[in-house]
Amino acid sequence: MEIRFLSDVEYAVSGLAVNEILKQRYCVFDLESTGIHHETEHITQVGAVIIENGIVQKSQTFNSYVQPLKPIPEAVERFTGISNTNVERAPRFNEVYSRFIEFIKVL
């Protein structure tokens, strides 16, 4: 694998290969946020699944809203389906991150 830095904020990854990926056990995760600019936006949801032998392990999933440090813009609420009401009582990122780390320890 090679990581080539294009600038202070951009990079390119090449030569990444996973041998026999359909026989592996791994985690796929997704983050939702308040917007697209990573320097100024905040995570609003973390979701993840464990995949083993090419099959999603439905009993091994992770999903949590995250209370962001700023309001979710109306356009993002419409796009993601996540509203400010959903996240107003959600745990902060550090708590969700700790739970996510525990979730992936099964790998």
PDB file of N, CA and C in Angstrom:
ATOM      1  N   MET A   1       0.846  -1.168   0.000  1.00  0.00           N
ATOM      2  CA  MET A   1       0.000   0.000   0.000  1.00  0.00           C
ATOM      3  C   MET A   1       0.896   1.236   0.000  1.00  0.00           C
ATOM      4  N   GLU A   2       0.483   2.226  -0.750  1.00  0.00           N
ATOM      5  CA  GLU A   2       1.211   3.491  -0.797  1.00  0.00           C
ATOM      6  C   GLU A   2       0.242   4.639  -0.516  1.00  0.00           C
ATOM      7  N   ILE A   3       0.660   5.558   0.360  1.00  0.00           N
ATOM      8  CA  ILE A   3      -0.107   6.774   0.627  1.00  0.00           C
ATOM      9  C   ILE A   3       0.731   7.937   0.131  1.00  0.00           C
ATOM     10  N   ARG A   4       0.174   8.701  -0.797  1.00  0.00           N
ATOM     11  CA  ARG A   4       0.868   9.843  -1.386  1.00  0.00           C
ATOM     12  C   ARG A   4       0.123  11.111  -0.978  1.00  0.00           C
ATOM     13  N   PHE A   5       0.828  12.032  -0.326  1.00  0.00           N
ATOM     14  CA  PHE A   5       0.217  13.284   0.115  1.00  0.00           C
ATOM     15  C   PHE A   5       0.206  14.273  -1.044  1.00  0.00           C
ATOM     16  N   LEU A   6      -0.980  14.739  -1.406  1.00  0.00           N
ATOM     17  CA  LEU A   6      -1.154  15.686  -2.496  1.00  0.00           C
ATOM     18  C   LEU A   6      -1.060  17.124  -2.002  1.00  0.00           C
ATOM     19  N   SER A   7      -1.430  17.345  -0.762  1.00  0.00           N
ATOM     20  CA  SER A   7      -1.351  18.656  -0.108  1.00  0.00           C
ATOM     21  C   SER A   7      -1.450  18.415   1.391  1.00  0.00           C
ATOM     22  N   ASP A   8      -1.591  19.486   2.148  1.00  0.00           N
ATOM     23  CA  ASP A   8      -1.738  19.343   3.602  1.00  0.00           C
ATOM     24  C   ASP A   8      -3.029  18.648   3.999  1.00  0.00           C
ATOM     25  N   VAL A   9      -4.042  18.683   3.124  1.00  0.00           N
ATOM     26  CA  VAL A   9      -5.344  18.124   3.467  1.00  0.00           C
ATOM     27  C   VAL A   9      -5.819  17.025   2.521  1.00  0.00           C
ATOM     28  N   GLU A  10      -5.061  16.723   1.465  1.00  0.00           N
ATOM     29  CA  GLU A  10      -5.473  15.699   0.511  1.00  0.00           C
ATOM     30  C   GLU A  10      -4.393  14.633   0.363  1.00  0.00           C
ATOM     31  N   TYR A  11      -4.841  13.394   0.149  1.00  0.00           N
ATOM     32  CA  TYR A  11      -3.909  12.298  -0.068  1.00  0.00           C
ATOM     33  C   TYR A  11      -4.544  11.282  -0.999  1.00  0.00           C
ATOM     34  N   ALA A  12      -3.701  10.432  -1.573  1.00  0.00           N
ATOM     35  CA  ALA A  12      -4.172   9.362  -2.455  1.00  0.00           C
ATOM     36  C   ALA A  12      -3.608   8.041  -1.948  1.00  0.00           C
ATOM     37  N   VAL A  13      -4.442   7.018  -1.947  1.00  0.00           N
ATOM     38  CA  VAL A  13      -4.032   5.686  -1.524  1.00  0.00           C
ATOM     39  C   VAL A  13      -4.053   4.792  -2.754  1.00  0.00           C
ATOM     40  N   SER A  14      -2.974   4.036  -2.949  1.00  0.00           N
ATOM     41  CA  SER A  14      -2.923   3.095  -4.071  1.00  0.00           C
ATOM     42  C   SER A  14      -2.265   1.796  -3.608  1.00  0.00           C
ATOM     43  N   GLY A  15      -2.469   0.762  -4.398  1.00  0.00           N
ATOM     44  CA  GLY A  15      -1.850  -0.517  -4.093  1.00  0.00           C
ATOM     45  C   GLY A  15      -2.415  -1.217  -2.873  1.00  0.00           C
ATOM     46  N   LEU A  16      -3.636  -0.891  -2.506  1.00  0.00           N
ATOM     47  CA  LEU A  16      -4.260  -1.528  -1.349  1.00  0.00           C
ATOM     48  C   LEU A  16      -4.897  -2.838  -1.795  1.00  0.00           C
ATOM     49  N   ALA A  17      -4.542  -3.915  -1.135  1.00  0.00           N
ATOM     50  CA  ALA A  17      -5.101  -5.220  -1.479  1.00  0.00           C
ATOM     51  C   ALA A  17      -5.395  -6.000  -0.198  1.00  0.00           C
ATOM     52  N   VAL A  18      -6.518  -6.678  -0.201  1.00  0.00           N
ATOM     53  CA  VAL A  18      -6.888  -7.550   0.913  1.00  0.00           C
ATOM     54  C   VAL A  18      -7.021  -8.957   0.342  1.00  0.00           C
ATOM     55  N   ASN A  19      -6.156  -9.840   0.783  1.00  0.00           N
ATOM     56  CA  ASN A  19      -6.194 -11.214   0.288  1.00  0.00           C
ATOM     57  C   ASN A  19      -7.453 -11.933   0.746  1.00  0.00           C
ATOM     58  N   GLU A  20      -8.111 -12.588  -0.207  1.00  0.00           N
ATOM     59  CA  GLU A  20      -9.299 -13.404   0.070  1.00  0.00           C
ATOM     60  C   GLU A  20     -10.307 -12.669   0.943  1.00  0.00           C
ATOM     61  N   ILE A  21     -10.723 -11.478   0.508  1.00  0.00           N
ATOM     62  CA  ILE A  21     -11.604 -10.636   1.319  1.00  0.00           C
ATOM     63  C   ILE A  21     -12.907 -11.344   1.694  1.00  0.00           C
ATOM     64  N   LEU A  22     -13.403 -12.214   0.833  1.00  0.00           N
ATOM     65  CA  LEU A  22     -14.655 -12.908   1.154  1.00  0.00           C
ATOM     66  C   LEU A  22     -14.498 -13.929   2.274  1.00  0.00           C
ATOM     67  N   LYS A  23     -13.270 -14.235   2.658  1.00  0.00           N
ATOM     68  CA  LYS A  23     -13.034 -15.159   3.764  1.00  0.00           C
ATOM     69  C   LYS A  23     -12.636 -14.425   5.047  1.00  0.00           C
ATOM     70  N   GLN A  24     -12.598 -13.117   4.992  1.00  0.00           N
ATOM     71  CA  GLN A  24     -12.149 -12.320   6.130  1.00  0.00           C
ATOM     72  C   GLN A  24     -13.310 -11.915   7.027  1.00  0.00           C
ATOM     73  N   ARG A  25     -12.963 -11.488   8.230  1.00  0.00           N
ATOM     74  CA  ARG A  25     -13.915 -10.900   9.178  1.00  0.00           C
ATOM     75  C   ARG A  25     -13.487  -9.457   9.364  1.00  0.00           C
ATOM     76  N   TYR A  26     -14.402  -8.508   9.122  1.00  0.00           N
ATOM     77  CA  TYR A  26     -14.044  -7.097   9.223  1.00  0.00           C
ATOM     78  C   TYR A  26     -15.279  -6.260   9.543  1.00  0.00           C
ATOM     79  N   CYS A  27     -15.022  -5.005   9.845  1.00  0.00           N
ATOM     80  CA  CYS A  27     -16.075  -4.060  10.200  1.00  0.00           C
ATOM     81  C   CYS A  27     -16.188  -3.004   9.104  1.00  0.00           C
ATOM     82  N   VAL A  28     -17.421  -2.708   8.718  1.00  0.00           N
ATOM     83  CA  VAL A  28     -17.700  -1.602   7.807  1.00  0.00           C
ATOM     84  C   VAL A  28     -18.490  -0.580   8.613  1.00  0.00           C
ATOM     85  N   PHE A  29     -18.033   0.673   8.587  1.00  0.00           N
ATOM     86  CA  PHE A  29     -18.734   1.687   9.362  1.00  0.00           C
ATOM     87  C   PHE A  29     -19.059   2.898   8.509  1.00  0.00           C
ATOM     88  N   ASP A  30     -20.025   3.670   8.979  1.00  0.00           N
ATOM     89  CA  ASP A  30     -20.490   4.858   8.284  1.00  0.00           C
ATOM     90  C   ASP A  30     -20.702   5.962   9.303  1.00  0.00           C
ATOM     91  N   LEU A  31     -20.317   7.168   8.926  1.00  0.00           N
ATOM     92  CA  LEU A  31     -20.518   8.334   9.779  1.00  0.00           C
ATOM     93  C   LEU A  31     -21.444   9.313   9.074  1.00  0.00           C
ATOM     94  N   GLU A  32     -22.343   9.908   9.814  1.00  0.00           N
ATOM     95  CA  GLU A  32     -23.140  11.025   9.308  1.00  0.00           C
ATOM     96  C   GLU A  32     -22.676  12.250  10.076  1.00  0.00           C
ATOM     97  N   SER A  33     -22.830  13.429   9.463  1.00  0.00           N
ATOM     98  CA  SER A  33     -22.330  14.638  10.115  1.00  0.00           C
ATOM     99  C   SER A  33     -23.223  15.832   9.810  1.00  0.00           C
ATOM    100  N   THR A  34     -22.849  16.958  10.406  1.00  0.00           N
ATOM    101  CA  THR A  34     -23.606  18.198  10.232  1.00  0.00           C
ATOM    102  C   THR A  34     -23.340  18.852   8.880  1.00  0.00           C
ATOM    103  N   GLY A  35     -22.384  18.348   8.119  1.00  0.00           N
ATOM    104  CA  GLY A  35     -22.050  18.915   6.809  1.00  0.00           C
ATOM    105  C   GLY A  35     -20.855  18.214   6.198  1.00  0.00           C
ATOM    106  N   ILE A  36     -20.309  18.790   5.128  1.00  0.00           N
ATOM    107  CA  ILE A  36     -19.255  18.108   4.371  1.00  0.00           C
ATOM    108  C   ILE A  36     -17.842  18.624   4.630  1.00  0.00           C
ATOM    109  N   HIS A  37     -17.680  19.688   5.363  1.00  0.00           N
ATOM    110  CA  HIS A  37     -16.356  20.264   5.605  1.00  0.00           C
ATOM    111  C   HIS A  37     -15.781  19.717   6.909  1.00  0.00           C
ATOM    112  N   HIS A  38     -14.854  18.769   6.794  1.00  0.00           N
ATOM    113  CA  HIS A  38     -14.359  18.065   7.977  1.00  0.00           C
ATOM    114  C   HIS A  38     -13.705  18.982   9.008  1.00  0.00           C
ATOM    115  N   GLU A  39     -13.259  20.155   8.594  1.00  0.00           N
ATOM    116  CA  GLU A  39     -12.618  21.065   9.545  1.00  0.00           C
ATOM    117  C   GLU A  39     -13.621  21.726  10.491  1.00  0.00           C
ATOM    118  N   THR A  40     -14.875  21.850  10.052  1.00  0.00           N
ATOM    119  CA  THR A  40     -15.836  22.624  10.841  1.00  0.00           C
ATOM    120  C   THR A  40     -17.099  21.860  11.226  1.00  0.00           C
ATOM    121  N   GLU A  41     -17.258  20.639  10.716  1.00  0.00           N
ATOM    122  CA  GLU A  41     -18.488  19.890  10.968  1.00  0.00           C
ATOM    123  C   GLU A  41     -18.302  18.861  12.075  1.00  0.00           C
ATOM    124  N   HIS A  42     -19.414  18.290  12.535  1.00  0.00           N
ATOM    125  CA  HIS A  42     -19.383  17.345  13.650  1.00  0.00           C
ATOM    126  C   HIS A  42     -20.207  16.104  13.317  1.00  0.00           C
ATOM    127  N   ILE A  43     -19.797  14.980  13.865  1.00  0.00           N
ATOM    128  CA  ILE A  43     -20.467  13.694  13.641  1.00  0.00           C
ATOM    129  C   ILE A  43     -21.813  13.690  14.358  1.00  0.00           C
ATOM    130  N   THR A  44     -22.828  13.155  13.668  1.00  0.00           N
ATOM    131  CA  THR A  44     -24.172  13.063  14.255  1.00  0.00           C
ATOM    132  C   THR A  44     -24.632  11.617  14.434  1.00  0.00           C
ATOM    133  N   GLN A  45     -23.976  10.670  13.748  1.00  0.00           N
ATOM    134  CA  GLN A  45     -24.366   9.266  13.873  1.00  0.00           C
ATOM    135  C   GLN A  45     -23.202   8.374  13.452  1.00  0.00           C
ATOM    136  N   VAL A  46     -23.066   7.249  14.153  1.00  0.00           N
ATOM    137  CA  VAL A  46     -22.094   6.217  13.807  1.00  0.00           C
ATOM    138  C   VAL A  46     -22.867   4.909  13.655  1.00  0.00           C
ATOM    139  N   GLY A  47     -22.666   4.247  12.537  1.00  0.00           N
ATOM    140  CA  GLY A  47     -23.285   2.947  12.301  1.00  0.00           C
ATOM    141  C   GLY A  47     -22.229   1.974  11.803  1.00  0.00           C
ATOM    142  N   ALA A  48     -22.349   0.709  12.171  1.00  0.00           N
ATOM    143  CA  ALA A  48     -21.355  -0.272  11.747  1.00  0.00           C
ATOM    144  C   ALA A  48     -21.955  -1.675  11.741  1.00  0.00           C
ATOM    145  N   VAL A  49     -21.376  -2.523  10.900  1.00  0.00           N
ATOM    146  CA  VAL A  49     -21.726  -3.942  10.861  1.00  0.00           C
ATOM    147  C   VAL A  49     -20.444  -4.758  10.783  1.00  0.00           C
ATOM    148  N   ILE A  50     -20.524  -5.982  11.265  1.00  0.00           N
ATOM    149  CA  ILE A  50     -19.438  -6.939  11.115  1.00  0.00           C
ATOM    150  C   ILE A  50     -19.779  -7.819   9.919  1.00  0.00           C
ATOM    151  N   ILE A  51     -18.800  -8.028   9.049  1.00  0.00           N
ATOM    152  CA  ILE A  51     -18.962  -8.911   7.898  1.00  0.00           C
ATOM    153  C   ILE A  51     -17.992 -10.074   8.068  1.00  0.00           C
ATOM    154  N   GLU A  52     -18.507 -11.279   7.913  1.00  0.00           N
ATOM    155  CA  GLU A  52     -17.687 -12.478   8.048  1.00  0.00           C
ATOM    156  C   GLU A  52     -18.013 -13.418   6.894  1.00  0.00           C
ATOM    157  N   ASN A  53     -16.981 -13.850   6.211  1.00  0.00           N
ATOM    158  CA  ASN A  53     -17.145 -14.721   5.047  1.00  0.00           C
ATOM    159  C   ASN A  53     -18.114 -14.121   4.030  1.00  0.00           C
ATOM    160  N   GLY A  54     -18.048 -12.799   3.863  1.00  0.00           N
ATOM    161  CA  GLY A  54     -18.880 -12.113   2.889  1.00  0.00           C
ATOM    162  C   GLY A  54     -20.324 -11.916   3.305  1.00  0.00           C
ATOM    163  N   ILE A  55     -20.668 -12.230   4.555  1.00  0.00           N
ATOM    164  CA  ILE A  55     -22.052 -12.130   5.023  1.00  0.00           C
ATOM    165  C   ILE A  55     -22.132 -11.147   6.179  1.00  0.00           C
ATOM    166  N   VAL A  56     -23.096 -10.204   6.094  1.00  0.00           N
ATOM    167  CA  VAL A  56     -23.336  -9.264   7.189  1.00  0.00           C
ATOM    168  C   VAL A  56     -23.879 -10.047   8.379  1.00  0.00           C
ATOM    169  N   GLN A  57     -23.231  -9.895   9.521  1.00  0.00           N
ATOM    170  CA  GLN A  57     -23.652 -10.565  10.744  1.00  0.00           C
ATOM    171  C   GLN A  57     -24.706  -9.680  11.417  1.00  0.00           C
ATOM    172  N   LYS A  58     -25.971  -9.957  11.148  1.00  0.00           N
ATOM    173  CA  LYS A  58     -27.060  -9.087  11.607  1.00  0.00           C
ATOM    174  C   LYS A  58     -27.133  -8.966  13.123  1.00  0.00           C
ATOM    175  N   SER A  59     -26.580  -9.937  13.827  1.00  0.00           N
ATOM    176  CA  SER A  59     -26.594  -9.860  15.293  1.00  0.00           C
ATOM    177  C   SER A  59     -25.432  -9.009  15.817  1.00  0.00           C
ATOM    178  N   GLN A  60     -24.547  -8.576  14.924  1.00  0.00           N
ATOM    179  CA  GLN A  60     -23.393  -7.782  15.339  1.00  0.00           C
ATOM    180  C   GLN A  60     -23.409  -6.440  14.599  1.00  0.00           C
ATOM    181  N   THR A  61     -24.239  -5.543  15.085  1.00  0.00           N
ATOM    182  CA  THR A  61     -24.351  -4.212  14.495  1.00  0.00           C
ATOM    183  C   THR A  61     -24.159  -3.154  15.574  1.00  0.00           C
ATOM    184  N   PHE A  62     -23.819  -1.969  15.135  1.00  0.00           N
ATOM    185  CA  PHE A  62     -23.622  -0.841  16.042  1.00  0.00           C
ATOM    186  C   PHE A  62     -24.316   0.365  15.429  1.00  0.00           C
ATOM    187  N   ASN A  63     -25.060   1.094  16.241  1.00  0.00           N
ATOM    188  CA  ASN A  63     -25.720   2.298  15.758  1.00  0.00           C
ATOM    189  C   ASN A  63     -25.931   3.246  16.928  1.00  0.00           C
ATOM    190  N   SER A  64     -25.486   4.487  16.767  1.00  0.00           N
ATOM    191  CA  SER A  64     -25.703   5.476  17.819  1.00  0.00           C
ATOM    192  C   SER A  64     -25.731   6.870  17.226  1.00  0.00           C
ATOM    193  N   TYR A  65     -26.703   7.656  17.671  1.00  0.00           N
ATOM    194  CA  TYR A  65     -26.656   9.084  17.391  1.00  0.00           C
ATOM    195  C   TYR A  65     -25.552   9.681  18.247  1.00  0.00           C
ATOM    196  N   VAL A  66     -25.037  10.825  17.807  1.00  0.00           N
ATOM    197  CA  VAL A  66     -24.002  11.558  18.536  1.00  0.00           C
ATOM    198  C   VAL A  66     -24.467  13.004  18.664  1.00  0.00           C
ATOM    199  N   GLN A  67     -24.341  13.557  19.851  1.00  0.00           N
ATOM    200  CA  GLN A  67     -24.725  14.951  20.050  1.00  0.00           C
ATOM    201  C   GLN A  67     -23.623  15.843  19.470  1.00  0.00           C
ATOM    202  N   PRO A  68     -23.915  16.556  18.380  1.00  0.00           N
ATOM    203  CA  PRO A  68     -22.893  17.413  17.785  1.00  0.00           C
ATOM    204  C   PRO A  68     -22.729  18.702  18.582  1.00  0.00           C
ATOM    205  N   LEU A  69     -21.629  19.386  18.319  1.00  0.00           N
ATOM    206  CA  LEU A  69     -21.358  20.637  19.018  1.00  0.00           C
ATOM    207  C   LEU A  69     -21.978  21.846  18.318  1.00  0.00           C
ATOM    208  N   LYS A  70     -22.766  21.587  17.278  1.00  0.00           N
ATOM    209  CA  LYS A  70     -23.474  22.650  16.570  1.00  0.00           C
ATOM    210  C   LYS A  70     -24.761  22.076  16.012  1.00  0.00           C
ATOM    211  N   PRO A  71     -25.740  22.904  15.718  1.00  0.00           N
ATOM    212  CA  PRO A  71     -27.006  22.416  15.167  1.00  0.00           C
ATOM    213  C   PRO A  71     -26.831  21.805  13.771  1.00  0.00           C
ATOM    214  N   ILE A  72     -27.698  20.867  13.457  1.00  0.00           N
ATOM    215  CA  ILE A  72     -27.720  20.275  12.121  1.00  0.00           C
ATOM    216  C   ILE A  72     -28.501  21.228  11.214  1.00  0.00           C
ATOM    217  N   PRO A  73     -27.902  21.662  10.103  1.00  0.00           N
ATOM    218  CA  PRO A  73     -28.638  22.545   9.183  1.00  0.00           C
ATOM    219  C   PRO A  73     -29.853  21.830   8.587  1.00  0.00           C
ATOM    220  N   GLU A  74     -30.877  22.600   8.264  1.00  0.00           N
ATOM    221  CA  GLU A  74     -32.122  22.039   7.737  1.00  0.00           C
ATOM    222  C   GLU A  74     -31.888  21.184   6.492  1.00  0.00           C
ATOM    223  N   ALA A  75     -31.013  21.622   5.597  1.00  0.00           N
ATOM    224  CA  ALA A  75     -30.731  20.855   4.373  1.00  0.00           C
ATOM    225  C   ALA A  75     -30.116  19.498   4.703  1.00  0.00           C
ATOM    226  N   VAL A  76     -29.267  19.447   5.703  1.00  0.00           N
ATOM    227  CA  VAL A  76     -28.645  18.187   6.113  1.00  0.00           C
ATOM    228  C   VAL A  76     -29.676  17.298   6.803  1.00  0.00           C
ATOM    229  N   GLU A  77     -30.568  17.882   7.586  1.00  0.00           N
ATOM    230  CA  GLU A  77     -31.660  17.108   8.195  1.00  0.00           C
ATOM    231  C   GLU A  77     -32.475  16.411   7.103  1.00  0.00           C
ATOM    232  N   ARG A  78     -32.816  17.133   6.049  1.00  0.00           N
ATOM    233  CA  ARG A  78     -33.597  16.549   4.948  1.00  0.00           C
ATOM    234  C   ARG A  78     -32.803  15.451   4.242  1.00  0.00           C
ATOM    235  N   PHE A  79     -31.511  15.679   4.020  1.00  0.00           N
ATOM    236  CA  PHE A  79     -30.673  14.729   3.288  1.00  0.00           C
ATOM    237  C   PHE A  79     -30.440  13.433   4.063  1.00  0.00           C
ATOM    238  N   THR A  80     -30.123  13.548   5.357  1.00  0.00           N
ATOM    239  CA  THR A  80     -29.771  12.369   6.161  1.00  0.00           C
ATOM    240  C   THR A  80     -30.954  11.762   6.902  1.00  0.00           C
ATOM    241  N   GLY A  81     -31.994  12.555   7.122  1.00  0.00           N
ATOM    242  CA  GLY A  81     -33.114  12.073   7.931  1.00  0.00           C
ATOM    243  C   GLY A  81     -32.841  12.163   9.423  1.00  0.00           C
ATOM    244  N   ILE A  82     -31.718  12.756   9.794  1.00  0.00           N
ATOM    245  CA  ILE A  82     -31.349  12.920  11.207  1.00  0.00           C
ATOM    246  C   ILE A  82     -31.660  14.357  11.599  1.00  0.00           C
ATOM    247  N   SER A  83     -32.498  14.516  12.613  1.00  0.00           N
ATOM    248  CA  SER A  83     -32.908  15.865  13.020  1.00  0.00           C
ATOM    249  C   SER A  83     -32.212  16.286  14.312  1.00  0.00           C
ATOM    250  N   ASN A  84     -32.281  17.555  14.586  1.00  0.00           N
ATOM    251  CA  ASN A  84     -31.744  18.073  15.844  1.00  0.00           C
ATOM    252  C   ASN A  84     -32.436  17.430  17.046  1.00  0.00           C
ATOM    253  N   THR A  85     -33.715  17.099  16.890  1.00  0.00           N
ATOM    254  CA  THR A  85     -34.441  16.406  17.957  1.00  0.00           C
ATOM    255  C   THR A  85     -33.834  15.032  18.227  1.00  0.00           C
ATOM    256  N   ASN A  86     -33.414  14.313  17.163  1.00  0.00           N
ATOM    257  CA  ASN A  86     -32.800  12.994  17.333  1.00  0.00           C
ATOM    258  C   ASN A  86     -31.541  13.044  18.189  1.00  0.00           C
ATOM    259  N   VAL A  87     -30.755  14.103  18.044  1.00  0.00           N
ATOM    260  CA  VAL A  87     -29.439  14.152  18.679  1.00  0.00           C
ATOM    261  C   VAL A  87     -29.370  14.991  19.950  1.00  0.00           C
ATOM    262  N   GLU A  88     -30.455  15.669  20.318  1.00  0.00           N
ATOM    263  CA  GLU A  88     -30.375  16.593  21.448  1.00  0.00           C
ATOM    264  C   GLU A  88     -30.051  15.913  22.779  1.00  0.00           C
ATOM    265  N   ARG A  89     -30.430  14.667  22.937  1.00  0.00           N
ATOM    266  CA  ARG A  89     -30.122  13.931  24.184  1.00  0.00           C
ATOM    267  C   ARG A  89     -29.150  12.775  23.942  1.00  0.00           C
ATOM    268  N   ALA A  90     -28.547  12.750  22.756  1.00  0.00           N
ATOM    269  CA  ALA A  90     -27.600  11.686  22.411  1.00  0.00           C
ATOM    270  C   ALA A  90     -26.292  11.870  23.191  1.00  0.00           C
ATOM    271  N   PRO A  91     -25.525  10.786  23.346  1.00  0.00           N
ATOM    272  CA  PRO A  91     -24.226  10.912  24.020  1.00  0.00           C
ATOM    273  C   PRO A  91     -23.249  11.721  23.156  1.00  0.00           C
ATOM    274  N   ARG A  92     -22.240  12.266  23.788  1.00  0.00           N
ATOM    275  CA  ARG A  92     -21.175  12.993  23.082  1.00  0.00           C
ATOM    276  C   ARG A  92     -20.285  11.990  22.342  1.00  0.00           C
ATOM    277  N   PHE A  93     -19.481  12.496  21.419  1.00  0.00           N
ATOM    278  CA  PHE A  93     -18.662  11.628  20.576  1.00  0.00           C
ATOM    279  C   PHE A  93     -17.723  10.739  21.382  1.00  0.00           C
ATOM    280  N   ASN A  94     -17.094  11.257  22.438  1.00  0.00           N
ATOM    281  CA  ASN A  94     -16.135  10.438  23.179  1.00  0.00           C
ATOM    282  C   ASN A  94     -16.790   9.182  23.763  1.00  0.00           C
ATOM    283  N   GLU A  95     -18.032   9.289  24.219  1.00  0.00           N
ATOM    284  CA  GLU A  95     -18.735   8.115  24.752  1.00  0.00           C
ATOM    285  C   GLU A  95     -19.079   7.127  23.639  1.00  0.00           C
ATOM    286  N   VAL A  96     -19.573   7.641  22.516  1.00  0.00           N
ATOM    287  CA  VAL A  96     -19.915   6.773  21.382  1.00  0.00           C
ATOM    288  C   VAL A  96     -18.652   6.101  20.845  1.00  0.00           C
ATOM    289  N   TYR A  97     -17.573   6.852  20.754  1.00  0.00           N
ATOM    290  CA  TYR A  97     -16.307   6.288  20.268  1.00  0.00           C
ATOM    291  C   TYR A  97     -15.837   5.154  21.171  1.00  0.00           C
ATOM    292  N   SER A  98     -15.928   5.328  22.469  1.00  0.00           N
ATOM    293  CA  SER A  98     -15.530   4.263  23.411  1.00  0.00           C
ATOM    294  C   SER A  98     -16.374   3.009  23.200  1.00  0.00           C
ATOM    295  N   ARG A  99     -17.678   3.193  23.007  1.00  0.00           N
ATOM    296  CA  ARG A  99     -18.557   2.040  22.766  1.00  0.00           C
ATOM    297  C   ARG A  99     -18.240   1.380  21.425  1.00  0.00           C
ATOM    298  N   PHE A 100     -17.911   2.184  20.416  1.00  0.00           N
ATOM    299  CA  PHE A 100     -17.549   1.637  19.108  1.00  0.00           C
ATOM    300  C   PHE A 100     -16.257   0.818  19.205  1.00  0.00           C
ATOM    301  N   ILE A 101     -15.279   1.293  19.934  1.00  0.00           N
ATOM    302  CA  ILE A 101     -14.021   0.551  20.121  1.00  0.00           C
ATOM    303  C   ILE A 101     -14.312  -0.799  20.791  1.00  0.00           C
ATOM    304  N   GLU A 102     -15.188  -0.814  21.778  1.00  0.00           N
ATOM    305  CA  GLU A 102     -15.582  -2.083  22.411  1.00  0.00           C
ATOM    306  C   GLU A 102     -16.268  -3.003  21.386  1.00  0.00           C
ATOM    307  N   PHE A 103     -17.103  -2.440  20.534  1.00  0.00           N
ATOM    308  CA  PHE A 103     -17.804  -3.211  19.512  1.00  0.00           C
ATOM    309  C   PHE A 103     -16.818  -3.894  18.567  1.00  0.00           C
ATOM    310  N   ILE A 104     -15.785  -3.195  18.125  1.00  0.00           N
ATOM    311  CA  ILE A 104     -14.859  -3.792  17.148  1.00  0.00           C
ATOM    312  C   ILE A 104     -13.818  -4.700  17.791  1.00  0.00           C
ATOM    313  N   LYS A 105     -13.773  -4.778  19.093  1.00  0.00           N
ATOM    314  CA  LYS A 105     -12.817  -5.690  19.750  1.00  0.00           C
ATOM    315  C   LYS A 105     -13.107  -7.146  19.431  1.00  0.00           C
ATOM    316  N   VAL A 106     -14.311  -7.440  18.939  1.00  0.00           N
ATOM    317  CA  VAL A 106     -14.634  -8.825  18.571  1.00  0.00           C
ATOM    318  C   VAL A 106     -13.859  -9.259  17.334  1.00  0.00           C
ATOM    319  N   LEU A 107     -13.272  -8.298  16.639  1.00  0.00           N
ATOM    320  CA  LEU A 107     -12.480  -8.631  15.455  1.00  0.00           C
ATOM    321  C   LEU A 107     -11.183  -9.198  15.920  1.00  0.00           C
TER     322      LEU A 107
END
